[in-house]
Amino acid sequence: MREATVTRNTRETQITVSVKLDGKGESDISTGIGFFDHMLTALSRHSGISMQIHADGDLHVDGHHTVEDTGIVLGQALNQALGDKSGIARYGSAYIPMDEALSFCALDLSNRPYVVFRGSFTNQMIGQYDACLTEEFFRALAVNAGITLHLDMCYGSNDHHKCEALFKAFAHALKAAVRLNEDGTVLSTKGVLA
C-alpha cells in the first residue's frame, strides 16, 4: 500500500498528515484557516490522493507557521508513501482554468527539490488566509517531497480563483506523476531517482 502518516510537533505547531496515494480523494482537513482547508480539500479531491490533515498552530501570531509546517509534513508523507519512487510515471503537468484565471503546474518527482513560482496576488488576504503563504506552502512541500516544481499563475483578476486554479493544477500534475507505469521500473537512465 502506498500510504504514510507523519506527525510533527514543535512549539509553534502540532500537525499530523496521513495520505493514501491510491485512495479516492477523500479528505478530512482541519487547520484552523478556512480558505487553506478549502485548498487542501481541493488538492486531495483533484489528485485522487486521500488525505487526513490536522493542524493546531499558533494562529494568534498569524498563519505562517501552520501553512508552512503543513507543507513540510505533507511533503514528508508523500515522500514516504512513494518509497523509492520506482514504478511511477514521475512527471506531470496541467493547465487549470477557473473562470477568468488560468494556472499551470509542471513537476518531476525527481528527489531533486527545486521550486519556480511565478505570479502575484492583488490582495494580502483571502478570507483569513495570507495569500503570500501560497509560495511558502509549495516550497515546503516540494523540498520535503523531493519535487522539482514549476508553478505559474498565468493570469487572472480574482485572487480566490487564481489560488484555487494553482492548487488544482498542482493536484492534477501530481495525480499524473504518481500514477504507476506498466513495467515497475524507475524512469531514469541512471536507474535511480537522486
C-alpha atoms as a PDB file:
ATOM      1  CA  MET A   1       0.000   0.000   0.000  1.00  0.00           C
ATOM      2  CA  ARG A   2       1.295   3.414  -0.933  1.00  0.00           C
ATOM      3  CA  GLU A   3       0.398   5.301   2.203  1.00  0.00           C
ATOM      4  CA  ALA A   4       2.068   7.070   5.107  1.00  0.00           C
ATOM      5  CA  THR A   5       1.370   9.003   8.303  1.00  0.00           C
ATOM      6  CA  VAL A   6       3.704  11.699   9.606  1.00  0.00           C
ATOM      7  CA  THR A   7       3.441  13.761  12.792  1.00  0.00           C
ATOM      8  CA  ARG A   8       5.414  16.897  13.591  1.00  0.00           C
ATOM      9  CA  ASN A   9       5.253  18.606  16.986  1.00  0.00           C
ATOM     10  CA  THR A  10       7.009  21.897  17.665  1.00  0.00           C
ATOM     11  CA  ARG A  11       6.412  24.856  19.976  1.00  0.00           C
ATOM     12  CA  GLU A  12       4.569  26.509  17.087  1.00  0.00           C
ATOM     13  CA  THR A  13       2.530  23.700  15.529  1.00  0.00           C
ATOM     14  CA  GLN A  14       1.273  20.174  16.087  1.00  0.00           C
ATOM     15  CA  ILE A  15       0.468  18.538  12.757  1.00  0.00           C
ATOM     16  CA  THR A  16      -0.460  15.027  11.652  1.00  0.00           C
ATOM     17  CA  VAL A  17      -0.869  14.104   7.985  1.00  0.00           C
ATOM     18  CA  SER A  18      -1.963  10.756   6.541  1.00  0.00           C
ATOM     19  CA  VAL A  19      -2.002  10.086   2.795  1.00  0.00           C
ATOM     20  CA  LYS A  20      -3.160   7.187   0.624  1.00  0.00           C
ATOM     21  CA  LEU A  21      -1.863   7.617  -2.912  1.00  0.00           C
ATOM     22  CA  ASP A  22      -4.323   5.076  -4.274  1.00  0.00           C
ATOM     23  CA  GLY A  23      -7.282   6.443  -2.372  1.00  0.00           C
ATOM     24  CA  LYS A  24     -10.392   8.069  -3.760  1.00  0.00           C
ATOM     25  CA  GLY A  25      -9.573  11.688  -2.968  1.00  0.00           C
ATOM     26  CA  GLU A  26     -11.466  11.561   0.294  1.00  0.00           C
ATOM     27  CA  SER A  27     -10.321  14.094   2.865  1.00  0.00           C
ATOM     28  CA  ASP A  28     -10.589  15.161   6.482  1.00  0.00           C
ATOM     29  CA  ILE A  29      -8.887  18.549   6.740  1.00  0.00           C
ATOM     30  CA  SER A  30      -8.671  20.889   9.727  1.00  0.00           C
ATOM     31  CA  THR A  31      -6.002  23.593  10.002  1.00  0.00           C
ATOM     32  CA  GLY A  32      -7.942  26.426  11.592  1.00  0.00           C
ATOM     33  CA  ILE A  33      -7.677  28.505   8.387  1.00  0.00           C
ATOM     34  CA  GLY A  34     -10.854  28.133   6.358  1.00  0.00           C
ATOM     35  CA  PHE A  35      -9.539  29.029   2.905  1.00  0.00           C
ATOM     36  CA  PHE A  36      -6.445  26.840   3.402  1.00  0.00           C
ATOM     37  CA  ASP A  37      -8.721  23.933   4.354  1.00  0.00           C
ATOM     38  CA  HIS A  38     -10.649  24.600   1.127  1.00  0.00           C
ATOM     39  CA  MET A  39      -7.426  24.475  -0.928  1.00  0.00           C
ATOM     40  CA  LEU A  40      -6.199  21.270   0.736  1.00  0.00           C
ATOM     41  CA  THR A  41      -9.586  19.634   0.237  1.00  0.00           C
ATOM     42  CA  ALA A  42      -9.415  20.546  -3.465  1.00  0.00           C
ATOM     43  CA  LEU A  43      -5.851  19.192  -3.623  1.00  0.00           C
ATOM     44  CA  SER A  44      -6.976  15.871  -2.198  1.00  0.00           C
ATOM     45  CA  ARG A  45     -10.061  15.578  -4.382  1.00  0.00           C
ATOM     46  CA  HIS A  46      -8.394  16.543  -7.660  1.00  0.00           C
ATOM     47  CA  SER A  47      -5.241  14.465  -7.088  1.00  0.00           C
ATOM     48  CA  GLY A  48      -7.237  11.398  -6.059  1.00  0.00           C
ATOM     49  CA  ILE A  49      -4.976  11.136  -3.005  1.00  0.00           C
ATOM     50  CA  SER A  50      -6.934  10.570   0.191  1.00  0.00           C
ATOM     51  CA  MET A  51      -5.677  12.904   2.911  1.00  0.00           C
ATOM     52  CA  GLN A  52      -6.212  13.447   6.595  1.00  0.00           C
ATOM     53  CA  ILE A  53      -4.594  16.685   7.728  1.00  0.00           C
ATOM     54  CA  HIS A  54      -4.981  18.014  11.258  1.00  0.00           C
ATOM     55  CA  ALA A  55      -3.015  21.069  12.302  1.00  0.00           C
ATOM     56  CA  ASP A  56      -3.069  23.043  15.538  1.00  0.00           C
ATOM     57  CA  GLY A  57      -0.873  26.096  15.158  1.00  0.00           C
ATOM     58  CA  ASP A  58      -0.138  29.456  16.719  1.00  0.00           C
ATOM     59  CA  LEU A  59      -2.799  31.295  14.735  1.00  0.00           C
ATOM     60  CA  HIS A  60      -2.826  34.052  17.362  1.00  0.00           C
ATOM     61  CA  VAL A  61       0.524  35.064  15.781  1.00  0.00           C
ATOM     62  CA  ASP A  62      -0.514  34.526  12.142  1.00  0.00           C
ATOM     63  CA  GLY A  63      -0.948  31.652   9.712  1.00  0.00           C
ATOM     64  CA  HIS A  64       2.663  31.363   8.586  1.00  0.00           C
ATOM     65  CA  HIS A  65       3.828  28.508  10.821  1.00  0.00           C
ATOM     66  CA  THR A  66       0.640  26.497  10.271  1.00  0.00           C
ATOM     67  CA  VAL A  67       0.721  26.787   6.472  1.00  0.00           C
ATOM     68  CA  GLU A  68       4.466  26.230   6.041  1.00  0.00           C
ATOM     69  CA  ASP A  69       4.631  23.356   8.530  1.00  0.00           C
ATOM     70  CA  THR A  70       1.631  21.691   6.886  1.00  0.00           C
ATOM     71  CA  GLY A  71       3.612  21.823   3.635  1.00  0.00           C
ATOM     72  CA  ILE A  72       6.592  20.231   5.378  1.00  0.00           C
ATOM     73  CA  VAL A  73       4.569  17.366   6.845  1.00  0.00           C
ATOM     74  CA  LEU A  74       2.505  16.763   3.699  1.00  0.00           C
ATOM     75  CA  GLY A  75       5.739  16.654   1.675  1.00  0.00           C
ATOM     76  CA  GLN A  76       7.281  14.142   4.090  1.00  0.00           C
ATOM     77  CA  ALA A  77       4.161  11.966   3.976  1.00  0.00           C
ATOM     78  CA  LEU A  78       4.095  11.983   0.165  1.00  0.00           C
ATOM     79  CA  ASN A  79       7.798  11.130   0.067  1.00  0.00           C
ATOM     80  CA  GLN A  80       7.333   8.194   2.444  1.00  0.00           C
ATOM     81  CA  ALA A  81       4.279   6.910   0.566  1.00  0.00           C
ATOM     82  CA  LEU A  82       6.226   6.980  -2.725  1.00  0.00           C
ATOM     83  CA  GLY A  83       9.090   4.920  -1.271  1.00  0.00           C
ATOM     84  CA  ASP A  84      11.968   4.640  -3.757  1.00  0.00           C
ATOM     85  CA  LYS A  85       9.676   6.050  -6.466  1.00  0.00           C
ATOM     86  CA  SER A  86      10.150   3.042  -8.713  1.00  0.00           C
ATOM     87  CA  GLY A  87       7.267   2.211 -10.995  1.00  0.00           C
ATOM     88  CA  ILE A  88       5.795   5.723 -11.182  1.00  0.00           C
ATOM     89  CA  ALA A  89       5.210   7.965 -14.184  1.00  0.00           C
ATOM     90  CA  ARG A  90       7.413  10.564 -12.418  1.00  0.00           C
ATOM     91  CA  TYR A  91       6.312  13.607 -14.469  1.00  0.00           C
ATOM     92  CA  GLY A  92       3.057  15.510 -14.542  1.00  0.00           C
ATOM     93  CA  SER A  93       1.726  18.790 -15.826  1.00  0.00           C
ATOM     94  CA  ALA A  94      -1.624  20.530 -16.030  1.00  0.00           C
ATOM     95  CA  TYR A  95      -3.277  23.792 -17.010  1.00  0.00           C
ATOM     96  CA  ILE A  96      -6.375  24.547 -14.939  1.00  0.00           C
ATOM     97  CA  PRO A  97      -8.827  27.379 -15.653  1.00  0.00           C
ATOM     98  CA  MET A  98     -11.142  28.839 -13.062  1.00  0.00           C
ATOM     99  CA  ASP A  99     -13.411  31.472 -14.547  1.00  0.00           C
ATOM    100  CA  GLU A 100     -11.099  34.341 -15.605  1.00  0.00           C
ATOM    101  CA  ALA A 101      -7.972  32.763 -14.042  1.00  0.00           C
ATOM    102  CA  LEU A 102      -5.563  30.249 -15.537  1.00  0.00           C
ATOM    103  CA  SER A 103      -2.782  28.436 -13.682  1.00  0.00           C
ATOM    104  CA  PHE A 104      -0.146  25.929 -14.764  1.00  0.00           C
ATOM    105  CA  CYS A 105       1.935  23.334 -12.949  1.00  0.00           C
ATOM    106  CA  ALA A 106       4.731  21.064 -14.176  1.00  0.00           C
ATOM    107  CA  LEU A 107       6.517  18.738 -11.773  1.00  0.00           C
ATOM    108  CA  ASP A 108       9.067  15.958 -11.580  1.00  0.00           C
ATOM    109  CA  LEU A 109       9.196  13.564  -8.618  1.00  0.00           C
ATOM    110  CA  SER A 110      12.944  13.586  -9.035  1.00  0.00           C
ATOM    111  CA  ASN A 111      14.312  13.636  -5.460  1.00  0.00           C
ATOM    112  CA  ARG A 112      15.921  16.917  -6.538  1.00  0.00           C
ATOM    113  CA  PRO A 113      13.794  19.646  -4.939  1.00  0.00           C
ATOM    114  CA  TYR A 114      13.587  22.936  -6.786  1.00  0.00           C
ATOM    115  CA  VAL A 115      10.786  25.488  -6.983  1.00  0.00           C
ATOM    116  CA  VAL A 116       9.956  28.143  -9.566  1.00  0.00           C
ATOM    117  CA  PHE A 117       6.904  30.175  -8.558  1.00  0.00           C
ATOM    118  CA  ARG A 118       5.535  32.858 -10.863  1.00  0.00           C
ATOM    119  CA  GLY A 119       2.560  35.000 -10.042  1.00  0.00           C
ATOM    120  CA  SER A 120       1.285  37.503  -7.550  1.00  0.00           C
ATOM    121  CA  PHE A 121      -1.875  38.367  -5.704  1.00  0.00           C
ATOM    122  CA  THR A 122      -3.706  41.679  -5.693  1.00  0.00           C
ATOM    123  CA  ASN A 123      -4.797  41.478  -2.063  1.00  0.00           C
ATOM    124  CA  GLN A 124      -2.903  40.348   1.006  1.00  0.00           C
ATOM    125  CA  MET A 125      -5.691  38.199   2.415  1.00  0.00           C
ATOM    126  CA  ILE A 126      -8.156  35.652   1.003  1.00  0.00           C
ATOM    127  CA  GLY A 127     -10.527  35.287   3.942  1.00  0.00           C
ATOM    128  CA  GLN A 128      -8.249  34.529   6.909  1.00  0.00           C
ATOM    129  CA  TYR A 129      -5.518  33.125   4.616  1.00  0.00           C
ATOM    130  CA  ASP A 130      -2.443  35.233   3.883  1.00  0.00           C
ATOM    131  CA  ALA A 131      -2.042  34.856   0.104  1.00  0.00           C
ATOM    132  CA  CYS A 132       1.773  35.185   0.221  1.00  0.00           C
ATOM    133  CA  LEU A 133       1.883  31.892   2.129  1.00  0.00           C
ATOM    134  CA  THR A 134       0.927  30.038  -1.054  1.00  0.00           C
ATOM    135  CA  GLU A 135       4.523  30.106  -2.263  1.00  0.00           C
ATOM    136  CA  GLU A 136       5.788  29.137   1.217  1.00  0.00           C
ATOM    137  CA  PHE A 137       3.458  26.134   1.318  1.00  0.00           C
ATOM    138  CA  PHE A 138       4.511  24.811  -2.072  1.00  0.00           C
ATOM    139  CA  ARG A 139       8.209  25.385  -1.358  1.00  0.00           C
ATOM    140  CA  ALA A 140       7.985  23.462   1.931  1.00  0.00           C
ATOM    141  CA  LEU A 141       6.047  20.647   0.256  1.00  0.00           C
ATOM    142  CA  ALA A 142       8.427  20.363  -2.705  1.00  0.00           C
ATOM    143  CA  VAL A 143      11.596  20.396  -0.600  1.00  0.00           C
ATOM    144  CA  ASN A 144      10.292  17.689   1.726  1.00  0.00           C
ATOM    145  CA  ALA A 145       8.798  15.506  -1.021  1.00  0.00           C
ATOM    146  CA  GLY A 146      11.794  15.844  -3.369  1.00  0.00           C
ATOM    147  CA  ILE A 147       9.838  17.538  -6.159  1.00  0.00           C
ATOM    148  CA  THR A 148      11.127  19.746  -8.936  1.00  0.00           C
ATOM    149  CA  LEU A 149       8.140  22.091  -9.111  1.00  0.00           C
ATOM    150  CA  HIS A 150       7.200  24.855 -11.531  1.00  0.00           C
ATOM    151  CA  LEU A 151       4.057  26.852 -10.754  1.00  0.00           C
ATOM    152  CA  ASP A 152       2.669  29.710 -12.818  1.00  0.00           C
ATOM    153  CA  MET A 153      -0.421  31.792 -12.149  1.00  0.00           C
ATOM    154  CA  CYS A 154      -0.667  32.711 -15.814  1.00  0.00           C
ATOM    155  CA  TYR A 155      -3.351  35.357 -15.396  1.00  0.00           C
ATOM    156  CA  GLY A 156      -6.500  36.259 -13.540  1.00  0.00           C
ATOM    157  CA  SER A 157      -8.041  39.042 -11.507  1.00  0.00           C
ATOM    158  CA  ASN A 158      -9.793  37.255  -8.634  1.00  0.00           C
ATOM    159  CA  ASP A 159      -7.297  36.074  -6.012  1.00  0.00           C
ATOM    160  CA  HIS A 160      -9.528  33.208  -4.865  1.00  0.00           C
ATOM    161  CA  HIS A 161      -9.754  31.908  -8.435  1.00  0.00           C
ATOM    162  CA  LYS A 162      -6.022  32.331  -9.096  1.00  0.00           C
ATOM    163  CA  CYS A 163      -5.013  30.459  -5.946  1.00  0.00           C
ATOM    164  CA  GLU A 164      -7.576  27.692  -6.371  1.00  0.00           C
ATOM    165  CA  ALA A 165      -6.593  27.141 -10.009  1.00  0.00           C
ATOM    166  CA  LEU A 166      -2.957  26.825  -8.862  1.00  0.00           C
ATOM    167  CA  PHE A 167      -3.753  24.212  -6.193  1.00  0.00           C
ATOM    168  CA  LYS A 168      -5.862  22.248  -8.677  1.00  0.00           C
ATOM    169  CA  ALA A 169      -3.150  22.433 -11.354  1.00  0.00           C
ATOM    170  CA  PHE A 170      -0.688  21.015  -8.811  1.00  0.00           C
ATOM    171  CA  ALA A 171      -3.208  18.302  -7.898  1.00  0.00           C
ATOM    172  CA  HIS A 172      -3.695  17.148 -11.490  1.00  0.00           C
ATOM    173  CA  ALA A 173       0.041  17.214 -12.206  1.00  0.00           C
ATOM    174  CA  LEU A 174       0.697  15.194  -9.037  1.00  0.00           C
ATOM    175  CA  LYS A 175      -2.017  12.696  -9.965  1.00  0.00           C
ATOM    176  CA  ALA A 176      -0.286  12.072 -13.298  1.00  0.00           C
ATOM    177  CA  ALA A 177       3.186  11.789 -11.737  1.00  0.00           C
ATOM    178  CA  VAL A 178       2.308   9.248  -9.011  1.00  0.00           C
ATOM    179  CA  ARG A 179       0.469   7.004 -11.493  1.00  0.00           C
ATOM    180  CA  LEU A 180       2.064   3.568 -11.750  1.00  0.00           C
ATOM    181  CA  ASN A 181       3.791   2.743 -15.026  1.00  0.00           C
ATOM    182  CA  GLU A 182       3.428  -0.605 -16.761  1.00  0.00           C
ATOM    183  CA  ASP A 183       6.792  -2.219 -16.053  1.00  0.00           C
ATOM    184  CA  GLY A 184       7.509  -1.074 -12.491  1.00  0.00           C
ATOM    185  CA  THR A 185      10.943   0.319 -13.324  1.00  0.00           C
ATOM    186  CA  VAL A 186      12.496   3.635 -12.349  1.00  0.00           C
ATOM    187  CA  LEU A 187      12.014   6.180 -15.125  1.00  0.00           C
ATOM    188  CA  SER A 188      15.639   7.298 -15.256  1.00  0.00           C
ATOM    189  CA  THR A 189      18.714   6.413 -17.316  1.00  0.00           C
ATOM    190  CA  LYS A 190      20.596   6.263 -14.001  1.00  0.00           C
ATOM    191  CA  GLY A 191      18.302   3.585 -12.646  1.00  0.00           C
ATOM    192  CA  VAL A 192      17.528   5.664  -9.537  1.00  0.00           C
ATOM    193  CA  LEU A 193      15.890   8.984  -8.780  1.00  0.00           C
ATOM    194  CA  ALA A 194      18.531  11.022  -6.984  1.00  0.00           C
END
